[in-house]
Amino acid sequence: MKLPFDFAFEGFRIIREKPSRLLPWGLLTLLGFTASALIMWTMAGTAMGELEQAAAGNDQAALLAAYAKIGPAYALAFPINMLIQVVIACAIFRVVLHDAPLSFGGLRLGMDELRQVGVTILFWIIFFLIYLLAVLPGIIIGASFSAILGGPSTPAGMVGVFLGLIPTLLAIFYIGSRLSLCFVQSFDQKRINLFGSWALTKGHAGTLMLGYFLALATATIVFVLCLGIFAALAIAASGGDFNAYSRMLDSARLGIQGLGNPVTVAYLFVSNGIVAPLLMAISFGAPAAAYKRLANGGVSAENVF
């Protein structure tokens, strides 16, 4: 059984098949991500400015102080962002796996979503431990290559560090790909199953890695195109002022004060209400489609293009 590469384009397929799905997903991401942004702006707006200054001046004490001020706001915003992510993920899983008409784009809030919160937390704890175990040998190997080639301060030495880290990065990507179906598998089986993905993806790691890389590349293109189109419209609306977009970004960094700028409000609407659900459809659609193919014997979906 061979996993077809078209799983990487599942996000495009489900949006192309029914564009109206973006409406409830976009409304949820717009409300949720804007709410978390308002929390960060109101509770930690000053601290974020201090953080930028401390980072620019490499002031470690000031960095720690700024992080301490940002912590409470992040503690409130993070659960909101995670809840939005798992609700959208489960909606995408329903669309991909069940392929049936769903009200409100498949959005629900129940045990499936709560289970995904648990899966997400456990996955990232395990993956962080794997990352630490993989990075340490990579650093040692990279440092050895760097010393042989002249030290990290030389161009050749920097190449040595990079060469030493390549196997580490590939190993992390490999393990992440093998475990990546745990989210949709746990959703489908209605129980937390962190390691069932390892057996399911046996023999398909290369295809998964290339497919995920392709999905990441297309998501990046979508992101750049969407923001590029918005930037062009902002410049056109300002009478051809090419600094309009950069001023808008500066205004967005001001937080609530920047909401007086209509272009900033439009930017938040586009990025949170349109771009975010598109990227999430691509990100969660790919592993959902891969799981569906592998769990069902590798039956391929229709060609996207």
C-alpha atoms as a PDB file:
ATOM      1  CA  MET A   1       0.000   0.000   0.000  1.00  0.00           C
ATOM      2  CA  LYS A   2       1.384   3.367  -0.987  1.00  0.00           C
ATOM      3  CA  LEU A   3       0.339   6.685   0.536  1.00  0.00           C
ATOM      4  CA  PRO A   4      -0.430   9.144  -2.299  1.00  0.00           C
ATOM      5  CA  PHE A   5       1.014  12.635  -2.105  1.00  0.00           C
ATOM      6  CA  ASP A   6      -2.350  14.305  -2.591  1.00  0.00           C
ATOM      7  CA  PHE A   7      -2.943  14.245   1.186  1.00  0.00           C
ATOM      8  CA  ALA A   8      -0.758  17.365   1.372  1.00  0.00           C
ATOM      9  CA  PHE A   9      -3.425  19.339  -0.529  1.00  0.00           C
ATOM     10  CA  GLU A  10      -6.432  18.205   1.513  1.00  0.00           C
ATOM     11  CA  GLY A  11      -6.858  21.658   3.037  1.00  0.00           C
ATOM     12  CA  PHE A  12      -7.277  23.167  -0.415  1.00  0.00           C
ATOM     13  CA  ARG A  13      -9.720  20.424  -1.402  1.00  0.00           C
ATOM     14  CA  ILE A  14     -12.116  20.919   1.492  1.00  0.00           C
ATOM     15  CA  ILE A  15     -12.107  24.698   0.983  1.00  0.00           C
ATOM     16  CA  ARG A  16     -12.519  24.417  -2.785  1.00  0.00           C
ATOM     17  CA  GLU A  17     -15.308  21.877  -2.306  1.00  0.00           C
ATOM     18  CA  LYS A  18     -17.242  24.183   0.035  1.00  0.00           C
ATOM     19  CA  PRO A  19     -15.807  27.690   0.466  1.00  0.00           C
ATOM     20  CA  SER A  20     -18.585  28.578   2.933  1.00  0.00           C
ATOM     21  CA  ARG A  21     -16.734  26.508   5.562  1.00  0.00           C
ATOM     22  CA  LEU A  22     -14.362  29.427   5.973  1.00  0.00           C
ATOM     23  CA  LEU A  23     -17.175  31.607   7.314  1.00  0.00           C
ATOM     24  CA  PRO A  24     -17.755  29.870  10.692  1.00  0.00           C
ATOM     25  CA  TRP A  25     -14.080  28.947  11.026  1.00  0.00           C
ATOM     26  CA  GLY A  26     -13.005  32.501  10.243  1.00  0.00           C
ATOM     27  CA  LEU A  27     -15.551  33.987  12.632  1.00  0.00           C
ATOM     28  CA  LEU A  28     -14.260  31.789  15.437  1.00  0.00           C
ATOM     29  CA  THR A  29     -10.580  32.533  14.760  1.00  0.00           C
ATOM     30  CA  LEU A  30     -11.341  36.243  14.387  1.00  0.00           C
ATOM     31  CA  LEU A  31     -13.149  36.441  17.731  1.00  0.00           C
ATOM     32  CA  GLY A  32     -10.782  34.107  19.578  1.00  0.00           C
ATOM     33  CA  PHE A  33      -7.445  35.406  18.349  1.00  0.00           C
ATOM     34  CA  THR A  34      -8.585  39.028  18.628  1.00  0.00           C
ATOM     35  CA  ALA A  35      -9.695  38.382  22.227  1.00  0.00           C
ATOM     36  CA  SER A  36      -6.293  36.913  23.092  1.00  0.00           C
ATOM     37  CA  ALA A  37      -4.570  39.848  21.382  1.00  0.00           C
ATOM     38  CA  LEU A  38      -6.649  42.311  23.417  1.00  0.00           C
ATOM     39  CA  ILE A  39      -5.631  40.472  26.590  1.00  0.00           C
ATOM     40  CA  MET A  40      -1.969  40.740  25.640  1.00  0.00           C
ATOM     41  CA  TRP A  41      -2.316  44.407  24.676  1.00  0.00           C
ATOM     42  CA  THR A  42      -4.187  45.483  27.807  1.00  0.00           C
ATOM     43  CA  MET A  43      -2.235  43.424  30.339  1.00  0.00           C
ATOM     44  CA  ALA A  44       1.236  43.337  28.774  1.00  0.00           C
ATOM     45  CA  GLY A  45       1.403  46.035  26.111  1.00  0.00           C
ATOM     46  CA  THR A  46       4.017  48.058  27.994  1.00  0.00           C
ATOM     47  CA  ALA A  47       5.961  44.936  28.918  1.00  0.00           C
ATOM     48  CA  MET A  48       6.148  43.815  25.277  1.00  0.00           C
ATOM     49  CA  GLY A  49       7.697  47.179  24.400  1.00  0.00           C
ATOM     50  CA  GLU A  50      10.185  46.712  27.231  1.00  0.00           C
ATOM     51  CA  LEU A  51      10.920  43.228  25.927  1.00  0.00           C
ATOM     52  CA  GLU A  52      11.830  44.581  22.481  1.00  0.00           C
ATOM     53  CA  GLN A  53      14.134  47.187  24.011  1.00  0.00           C
ATOM     54  CA  ALA A  54      15.798  44.638  26.300  1.00  0.00           C
ATOM     55  CA  ALA A  55      16.313  42.222  23.410  1.00  0.00           C
ATOM     56  CA  ALA A  56      17.821  44.995  21.260  1.00  0.00           C
ATOM     57  CA  GLY A  57      20.192  45.941  24.076  1.00  0.00           C
ATOM     58  CA  ASN A  58      20.894  42.321  25.079  1.00  0.00           C
ATOM     59  CA  ASP A  59      19.957  43.196  28.666  1.00  0.00           C
ATOM     60  CA  GLN A  60      19.324  39.823  30.321  1.00  0.00           C
ATOM     61  CA  ALA A  61      17.993  41.257  33.579  1.00  0.00           C
ATOM     62  CA  ALA A  62      15.526  43.463  31.726  1.00  0.00           C
ATOM     63  CA  LEU A  63      14.516  40.499  29.568  1.00  0.00           C
ATOM     64  CA  LEU A  64      13.656  38.413  32.632  1.00  0.00           C
ATOM     65  CA  ALA A  65      11.723  41.313  34.163  1.00  0.00           C
ATOM     66  CA  ALA A  66       9.731  41.814  30.953  1.00  0.00           C
ATOM     67  CA  TYR A  67       8.960  38.090  30.697  1.00  0.00           C
ATOM     68  CA  ALA A  68       7.715  38.130  34.298  1.00  0.00           C
ATOM     69  CA  LYS A  69       5.299  40.946  33.434  1.00  0.00           C
ATOM     70  CA  ILE A  70       4.098  39.208  30.269  1.00  0.00           C
ATOM     71  CA  GLY A  71       3.576  35.851  32.021  1.00  0.00           C
ATOM     72  CA  PRO A  72       0.119  36.512  33.554  1.00  0.00           C
ATOM     73  CA  ALA A  73      -1.275  37.833  30.267  1.00  0.00           C
ATOM     74  CA  TYR A  74       0.135  34.890  28.351  1.00  0.00           C
ATOM     75  CA  ALA A  75      -1.353  32.517  30.930  1.00  0.00           C
ATOM     76  CA  LEU A  76      -4.805  33.900  30.047  1.00  0.00           C
ATOM     77  CA  ALA A  77      -4.291  34.184  26.283  1.00  0.00           C
ATOM     78  CA  PHE A  78      -2.695  30.754  25.775  1.00  0.00           C
ATOM     79  CA  PRO A  79      -5.760  28.666  26.779  1.00  0.00           C
ATOM     80  CA  ILE A  80      -7.929  30.744  24.443  1.00  0.00           C
ATOM     81  CA  ASN A  81      -5.577  30.150  21.530  1.00  0.00           C
ATOM     82  CA  MET A  82      -5.317  26.439  22.299  1.00  0.00           C
ATOM     83  CA  LEU A  83      -9.094  26.070  22.553  1.00  0.00           C
ATOM     84  CA  ILE A  84      -9.588  27.827  19.215  1.00  0.00           C
ATOM     85  CA  GLN A  85      -6.972  25.558  17.645  1.00  0.00           C
ATOM     86  CA  VAL A  86      -8.485  22.294  18.888  1.00  0.00           C
ATOM     87  CA  VAL A  87     -12.047  23.344  17.999  1.00  0.00           C
ATOM     88  CA  ILE A  88     -10.983  24.170  14.430  1.00  0.00           C
ATOM     89  CA  ALA A  89      -8.849  21.002  14.235  1.00  0.00           C
ATOM     90  CA  CYS A  90     -11.771  18.792  15.267  1.00  0.00           C
ATOM     91  CA  ALA A  91     -14.022  20.545  12.757  1.00  0.00           C
ATOM     92  CA  ILE A  92     -11.499  19.825  10.000  1.00  0.00           C
ATOM     93  CA  PHE A  93     -11.182  16.210  11.145  1.00  0.00           C
ATOM     94  CA  ARG A  94     -14.977  15.831  10.927  1.00  0.00           C
ATOM     95  CA  VAL A  95     -15.038  17.262   7.427  1.00  0.00           C
ATOM     96  CA  VAL A  96     -12.181  15.077   6.171  1.00  0.00           C
ATOM     97  CA  LEU A  97     -13.110  11.799   7.865  1.00  0.00           C
ATOM     98  CA  HIS A  98     -16.890  11.878   7.596  1.00  0.00           C
ATOM     99  CA  ASP A  99     -17.199  13.784   4.315  1.00  0.00           C
ATOM    100  CA  ALA A 100     -20.830  14.664   5.126  1.00  0.00           C
ATOM    101  CA  PRO A 101     -22.762  17.953   5.395  1.00  0.00           C
ATOM    102  CA  LEU A 102     -22.047  19.548   8.779  1.00  0.00           C
ATOM    103  CA  SER A 103     -23.720  22.558  10.342  1.00  0.00           C
ATOM    104  CA  PHE A 104     -21.501  25.476  11.364  1.00  0.00           C
ATOM    105  CA  GLY A 105     -18.579  23.949   9.463  1.00  0.00           C
ATOM    106  CA  GLY A 106     -18.372  21.050  11.925  1.00  0.00           C
ATOM    107  CA  LEU A 107     -17.643  23.331  14.895  1.00  0.00           C
ATOM    108  CA  ARG A 108     -18.460  21.728  18.230  1.00  0.00           C
ATOM    109  CA  LEU A 109     -17.381  21.968  21.852  1.00  0.00           C
ATOM    110  CA  GLY A 110     -17.489  18.632  23.632  1.00  0.00           C
ATOM    111  CA  MET A 111     -15.419  15.624  24.611  1.00  0.00           C
ATOM    112  CA  ASP A 112     -13.681  15.443  21.213  1.00  0.00           C
ATOM    113  CA  GLU A 113     -12.295  18.936  21.716  1.00  0.00           C
ATOM    114  CA  LEU A 114     -11.365  18.376  25.371  1.00  0.00           C
ATOM    115  CA  ARG A 115      -9.616  15.154  24.376  1.00  0.00           C
ATOM    116  CA  GLN A 116      -7.622  17.078  21.789  1.00  0.00           C
ATOM    117  CA  VAL A 117      -6.447  19.463  24.502  1.00  0.00           C
ATOM    118  CA  GLY A 118      -5.062  16.493  26.410  1.00  0.00           C
ATOM    119  CA  VAL A 119      -3.477  14.972  23.307  1.00  0.00           C
ATOM    120  CA  THR A 120      -1.870  18.300  22.401  1.00  0.00           C
ATOM    121  CA  ILE A 121      -0.374  18.862  25.846  1.00  0.00           C
ATOM    122  CA  LEU A 122       0.966  15.301  26.120  1.00  0.00           C
ATOM    123  CA  PHE A 123       2.327  15.341  22.566  1.00  0.00           C
ATOM    124  CA  TRP A 124       4.315  18.533  23.064  1.00  0.00           C
ATOM    125  CA  ILE A 125       5.698  17.352  26.408  1.00  0.00           C
ATOM    126  CA  ILE A 126       6.929  14.149  24.783  1.00  0.00           C
ATOM    127  CA  PHE A 127       8.183  15.956  21.688  1.00  0.00           C
ATOM    128  CA  PHE A 128      10.060  18.494  23.824  1.00  0.00           C
ATOM    129  CA  LEU A 129      11.853  15.649  25.613  1.00  0.00           C
ATOM    130  CA  ILE A 130      12.671  14.039  22.261  1.00  0.00           C
ATOM    131  CA  TYR A 131      13.952  17.399  21.031  1.00  0.00           C
ATOM    132  CA  LEU A 132      16.294  17.746  24.008  1.00  0.00           C
ATOM    133  CA  LEU A 133      17.626  14.218  23.551  1.00  0.00           C
ATOM    134  CA  ALA A 134      18.206  14.809  19.832  1.00  0.00           C
ATOM    135  CA  VAL A 135      19.689  18.304  20.044  1.00  0.00           C
ATOM    136  CA  LEU A 136      22.445  17.501  22.525  1.00  0.00           C
ATOM    137  CA  PRO A 137      24.225  15.003  20.217  1.00  0.00           C
ATOM    138  CA  GLY A 138      23.714  17.403  17.312  1.00  0.00           C
ATOM    139  CA  ILE A 139      25.399  20.216  19.210  1.00  0.00           C
ATOM    140  CA  ILE A 140      28.326  17.970  20.099  1.00  0.00           C
ATOM    141  CA  ILE A 141      28.720  16.761  16.497  1.00  0.00           C
ATOM    142  CA  GLY A 142      28.336  20.296  15.131  1.00  0.00           C
ATOM    143  CA  ALA A 143      30.906  21.647  17.582  1.00  0.00           C
ATOM    144  CA  SER A 144      33.347  18.886  16.565  1.00  0.00           C
ATOM    145  CA  PHE A 145      32.910  19.693  12.858  1.00  0.00           C
ATOM    146  CA  SER A 146      33.263  23.381  13.616  1.00  0.00           C
ATOM    147  CA  ALA A 147      36.518  22.873  15.532  1.00  0.00           C
ATOM    148  CA  ILE A 148      37.965  20.806  12.700  1.00  0.00           C
ATOM    149  CA  LEU A 149      37.016  23.459  10.143  1.00  0.00           C
ATOM    150  CA  GLY A 150      38.410  26.423  12.066  1.00  0.00           C
ATOM    151  CA  GLY A 151      36.001  27.261  14.872  1.00  0.00           C
ATOM    152  CA  PRO A 152      32.493  28.791  15.013  1.00  0.00           C
ATOM    153  CA  SER A 153      33.802  32.302  14.343  1.00  0.00           C
ATOM    154  CA  THR A 154      34.890  31.357  10.811  1.00  0.00           C
ATOM    155  CA  PRO A 155      32.567  30.778   7.816  1.00  0.00           C
ATOM    156  CA  ALA A 156      33.845  27.214   7.462  1.00  0.00           C
ATOM    157  CA  GLY A 157      33.222  26.589  11.151  1.00  0.00           C
ATOM    158  CA  MET A 158      29.652  27.849  10.864  1.00  0.00           C
ATOM    159  CA  VAL A 159      29.144  25.429   7.975  1.00  0.00           C
ATOM    160  CA  GLY A 160      30.449  22.685  10.267  1.00  0.00           C
ATOM    161  CA  VAL A 161      27.861  23.570  12.927  1.00  0.00           C
ATOM    162  CA  PHE A 162      25.126  23.456  10.306  1.00  0.00           C
ATOM    163  CA  LEU A 163      26.319  20.110   8.947  1.00  0.00           C
ATOM    164  CA  GLY A 164      26.326  18.687  12.441  1.00  0.00           C
ATOM    165  CA  LEU A 165      22.760  19.815  13.075  1.00  0.00           C
ATOM    166  CA  ILE A 166      21.304  18.487   9.803  1.00  0.00           C
ATOM    167  CA  PRO A 167      21.013  14.862  11.032  1.00  0.00           C
ATOM    168  CA  THR A 168      19.441  16.138  14.258  1.00  0.00           C
ATOM    169  CA  LEU A 169      16.849  18.200  12.429  1.00  0.00           C
ATOM    170  CA  LEU A 170      16.039  15.315  10.099  1.00  0.00           C
ATOM    171  CA  ALA A 171      15.675  12.956  13.061  1.00  0.00           C
ATOM    172  CA  ILE A 172      13.314  15.365  14.816  1.00  0.00           C
ATOM    173  CA  PHE A 173      11.280  15.819  11.634  1.00  0.00           C
ATOM    174  CA  TYR A 174      11.184  12.055  11.125  1.00  0.00           C
ATOM    175  CA  ILE A 175       9.937  11.354  14.636  1.00  0.00           C
ATOM    176  CA  GLY A 176       7.434  14.208  14.447  1.00  0.00           C
ATOM    177  CA  SER A 177       6.079  12.867  11.162  1.00  0.00           C
ATOM    178  CA  ARG A 178       5.729   9.339  12.530  1.00  0.00           C
ATOM    179  CA  LEU A 179       3.781  10.636  15.550  1.00  0.00           C
ATOM    180  CA  SER A 180       1.838  13.317  13.674  1.00  0.00           C
ATOM    181  CA  LEU A 181      -1.335  11.272  13.189  1.00  0.00           C
ATOM    182  CA  CYS A 182      -1.929  10.930  16.930  1.00  0.00           C
ATOM    183  CA  PHE A 183      -4.280  13.938  16.938  1.00  0.00           C
ATOM    184  CA  VAL A 184      -6.648  12.726  14.243  1.00  0.00           C
ATOM    185  CA  GLN A 185      -6.299   9.098  15.362  1.00  0.00           C
ATOM    186  CA  SER A 186      -7.291  10.046  18.912  1.00  0.00           C
ATOM    187  CA  PHE A 187     -10.229  11.996  17.483  1.00  0.00           C
ATOM    188  CA  ASP A 188     -11.354   9.061  15.346  1.00  0.00           C
ATOM    189  CA  GLN A 189     -10.937   6.431  18.066  1.00  0.00           C
ATOM    190  CA  LYS A 190     -12.374   8.719  20.785  1.00  0.00           C
ATOM    191  CA  ARG A 191      -9.527   7.931  23.145  1.00  0.00           C
ATOM    192  CA  ILE A 192      -6.079   9.374  23.663  1.00  0.00           C
ATOM    193  CA  ASN A 193      -3.698   7.349  21.499  1.00  0.00           C
ATOM    194  CA  LEU A 194      -0.294   8.977  21.353  1.00  0.00           C
ATOM    195  CA  PHE A 195       1.733   6.134  19.864  1.00  0.00           C
ATOM    196  CA  GLY A 196      -0.698   4.337  17.567  1.00  0.00           C
ATOM    197  CA  SER A 197       0.475   6.703  14.837  1.00  0.00           C
ATOM    198  CA  TRP A 198       3.941   5.108  14.945  1.00  0.00           C
ATOM    199  CA  ALA A 199       2.631   1.734  13.793  1.00  0.00           C
ATOM    200  CA  LEU A 200       0.196   3.267  11.318  1.00  0.00           C
ATOM    201  CA  THR A 201       2.916   5.294   9.577  1.00  0.00           C
ATOM    202  CA  LYS A 202       5.427   2.436   9.307  1.00  0.00           C
ATOM    203  CA  GLY A 203       6.897   2.443   5.805  1.00  0.00           C
ATOM    204  CA  HIS A 204       5.424   5.855   4.977  1.00  0.00           C
ATOM    205  CA  ALA A 205       7.787   8.208   6.814  1.00  0.00           C
ATOM    206  CA  GLY A 206       9.440   9.513   3.641  1.00  0.00           C
ATOM    207  CA  THR A 207       6.117  10.257   1.964  1.00  0.00           C
ATOM    208  CA  LEU A 208       4.804  11.937   5.108  1.00  0.00           C
ATOM    209  CA  MET A 209       7.912  14.097   5.491  1.00  0.00           C
ATOM    210  CA  LEU A 210       7.814  15.226   1.853  1.00  0.00           C
ATOM    211  CA  GLY A 211       4.054  15.778   2.030  1.00  0.00           C
ATOM    212  CA  TYR A 212       4.319  17.865   5.185  1.00  0.00           C
ATOM    213  CA  PHE A 213       7.150  19.872   3.677  1.00  0.00           C
ATOM    214  CA  LEU A 214       4.968  20.493   0.629  1.00  0.00           C
ATOM    215  CA  ALA A 215       2.018  21.489   2.819  1.00  0.00           C
ATOM    216  CA  LEU A 216       4.280  23.858   4.781  1.00  0.00           C
ATOM    217  CA  ALA A 217       5.588  25.375   1.557  1.00  0.00           C
ATOM    218  CA  THR A 218       2.087  25.918   0.176  1.00  0.00           C
ATOM    219  CA  ALA A 219       0.920  27.372   3.504  1.00  0.00           C
ATOM    220  CA  THR A 220       3.826  29.808   3.376  1.00  0.00           C
ATOM    221  CA  ILE A 221       2.918  30.792  -0.177  1.00  0.00           C
ATOM    222  CA  VAL A 222      -0.714  31.316   0.847  1.00  0.00           C
ATOM    223  CA  PHE A 223       0.388  33.454   3.795  1.00  0.00           C
ATOM    224  CA  VAL A 224       2.722  35.597   1.693  1.00  0.00           C
ATOM    225  CA  LEU A 225       0.177  35.989  -1.111  1.00  0.00           C
ATOM    226  CA  CYS A 226      -2.654  36.978   1.245  1.00  0.00           C
ATOM    227  CA  LEU A 227      -0.583  39.554   3.070  1.00  0.00           C
ATOM    228  CA  GLY A 228       0.942  40.714  -0.224  1.00  0.00           C
ATOM    229  CA  ILE A 229      -2.521  41.316  -1.666  1.00  0.00           C
ATOM    230  CA  PHE A 230      -3.536  43.164   1.492  1.00  0.00           C
ATOM    231  CA  ALA A 231      -0.367  45.278   1.366  1.00  0.00           C
ATOM    232  CA  ALA A 232      -1.059  46.163  -2.283  1.00  0.00           C
ATOM    233  CA  LEU A 233      -4.629  47.196  -1.419  1.00  0.00           C
ATOM    234  CA  ALA A 234      -3.402  49.261   1.544  1.00  0.00           C
ATOM    235  CA  ILE A 235      -0.868  51.037  -0.675  1.00  0.00           C
ATOM    236  CA  ALA A 236      -3.499  51.644  -3.379  1.00  0.00           C
ATOM    237  CA  ALA A 237      -5.982  52.979  -0.804  1.00  0.00           C
ATOM    238  CA  SER A 238      -3.345  55.415   0.472  1.00  0.00           C
ATOM    239  CA  GLY A 239      -2.795  56.850  -2.993  1.00  0.00           C
ATOM    240  CA  GLY A 240       0.347  54.877  -3.794  1.00  0.00           C
ATOM    241  CA  ASP A 241       2.161  55.490  -0.524  1.00  0.00           C
ATOM    242  CA  PHE A 242       4.530  52.526  -0.221  1.00  0.00           C
ATOM    243  CA  ASN A 243       5.089  53.255   3.467  1.00  0.00           C
ATOM    244  CA  ALA A 244       1.416  52.685   4.283  1.00  0.00           C
ATOM    245  CA  TYR A 245       1.872  48.986   5.032  1.00  0.00           C
ATOM    246  CA  SER A 246       4.875  49.492   7.332  1.00  0.00           C
ATOM    247  CA  ARG A 247       2.993  52.233   9.175  1.00  0.00           C
ATOM    248  CA  MET A 248       0.077  49.859   9.559  1.00  0.00           C
ATOM    249  CA  LEU A 249       2.355  47.246  11.129  1.00  0.00           C
ATOM    250  CA  ASP A 250       3.775  49.888  13.475  1.00  0.00           C
ATOM    251  CA  SER A 251       0.223  50.862  14.378  1.00  0.00           C
ATOM    252  CA  ALA A 252      -0.659  47.215  15.079  1.00  0.00           C
ATOM    253  CA  ARG A 253       2.240  47.012  17.516  1.00  0.00           C
ATOM    254  CA  LEU A 254       0.733  49.884  19.505  1.00  0.00           C
ATOM    255  CA  GLY A 255      -2.040  47.572  20.632  1.00  0.00           C
ATOM    256  CA  ILE A 256      -5.409  49.083  21.477  1.00  0.00           C
ATOM    257  CA  GLN A 257      -4.156  52.557  20.546  1.00  0.00           C
ATOM    258  CA  GLY A 258      -3.551  51.278  17.028  1.00  0.00           C
ATOM    259  CA  LEU A 259      -7.197  50.269  16.589  1.00  0.00           C
ATOM    260  CA  GLY A 260      -7.948  53.871  15.658  1.00  0.00           C
ATOM    261  CA  ASN A 261      -6.324  53.154  12.308  1.00  0.00           C
ATOM    262  CA  PRO A 262      -8.907  51.589   9.914  1.00  0.00           C
ATOM    263  CA  VAL A 263      -6.127  49.863   7.975  1.00  0.00           C
ATOM    264  CA  THR A 264      -4.948  48.168  11.167  1.00  0.00           C
ATOM    265  CA  VAL A 265      -8.474  46.956  11.902  1.00  0.00           C
ATOM    266  CA  ALA A 266      -8.722  45.605   8.358  1.00  0.00           C
ATOM    267  CA  TYR A 267      -5.354  43.900   8.791  1.00  0.00           C
ATOM    268  CA  LEU A 268      -6.522  42.159  11.971  1.00  0.00           C
ATOM    269  CA  PHE A 269      -9.707  41.076  10.203  1.00  0.00           C
ATOM    270  CA  VAL A 270      -7.834  39.625   7.222  1.00  0.00           C
ATOM    271  CA  SER A 271      -5.051  37.932   9.209  1.00  0.00           C
ATOM    272  CA  ASN A 272      -7.270  36.488  11.953  1.00  0.00           C
ATOM    273  CA  GLY A 273     -10.505  35.926  10.056  1.00  0.00           C
ATOM    274  CA  ILE A 274      -9.291  34.771   6.632  1.00  0.00           C
ATOM    275  CA  VAL A 275      -5.602  33.842   6.624  1.00  0.00           C
ATOM    276  CA  ALA A 276      -5.656  31.969   9.956  1.00  0.00           C
ATOM    277  CA  PRO A 277      -8.449  29.495   9.050  1.00  0.00           C
ATOM    278  CA  LEU A 278      -6.884  28.937   5.626  1.00  0.00           C
ATOM    279  CA  LEU A 279      -3.550  28.023   7.177  1.00  0.00           C
ATOM    280  CA  MET A 280      -5.252  25.798   9.748  1.00  0.00           C
ATOM    281  CA  ALA A 281      -7.169  23.985   6.994  1.00  0.00           C
ATOM    282  CA  ILE A 282      -3.857  23.235   5.262  1.00  0.00           C
ATOM    283  CA  SER A 283      -2.081  22.271   8.498  1.00  0.00           C
ATOM    284  CA  PHE A 284      -4.765  19.986   9.960  1.00  0.00           C
ATOM    285  CA  GLY A 285      -6.173  18.763   6.650  1.00  0.00           C
ATOM    286  CA  ALA A 286      -2.920  17.085   5.594  1.00  0.00           C
ATOM    287  CA  PRO A 287      -2.526  14.694   8.559  1.00  0.00           C
ATOM    288  CA  ALA A 288      -6.283  14.025   8.590  1.00  0.00           C
ATOM    289  CA  ALA A 289      -6.166  12.967   4.934  1.00  0.00           C
ATOM    290  CA  ALA A 290      -3.038  10.873   5.504  1.00  0.00           C
ATOM    291  CA  TYR A 291      -4.741   9.084   8.398  1.00  0.00           C
ATOM    292  CA  LYS A 292      -7.871   8.472   6.347  1.00  0.00           C
ATOM    293  CA  ARG A 293      -5.837   6.944   3.491  1.00  0.00           C
ATOM    294  CA  LEU A 294      -3.749   4.730   5.800  1.00  0.00           C
ATOM    295  CA  ALA A 295      -6.631   3.675   8.044  1.00  0.00           C
ATOM    296  CA  ASN A 296      -8.772   2.841   5.005  1.00  0.00           C
ATOM    297  CA  GLY A 297      -6.132   0.945   3.079  1.00  0.00           C
ATOM    298  CA  GLY A 298      -4.597   3.847   1.168  1.00  0.00           C
ATOM    299  CA  VAL A 299      -7.610   4.785  -0.958  1.00  0.00           C
ATOM    300  CA  SER A 300      -6.754   8.066  -2.625  1.00  0.00           C
ATOM    301  CA  ALA A 301      -8.975  11.106  -2.771  1.00  0.00           C
ATOM    302  CA  GLU A 302      -9.738  12.940  -5.998  1.00  0.00           C
ATOM    303  CA  ASN A 303      -6.965  14.921  -7.598  1.00  0.00           C
ATOM    304  CA  VAL A 304      -6.901  18.447  -6.250  1.00  0.00           C
ATOM    305  CA  PHE A 305      -5.642  20.171  -9.388  1.00  0.00           C
END
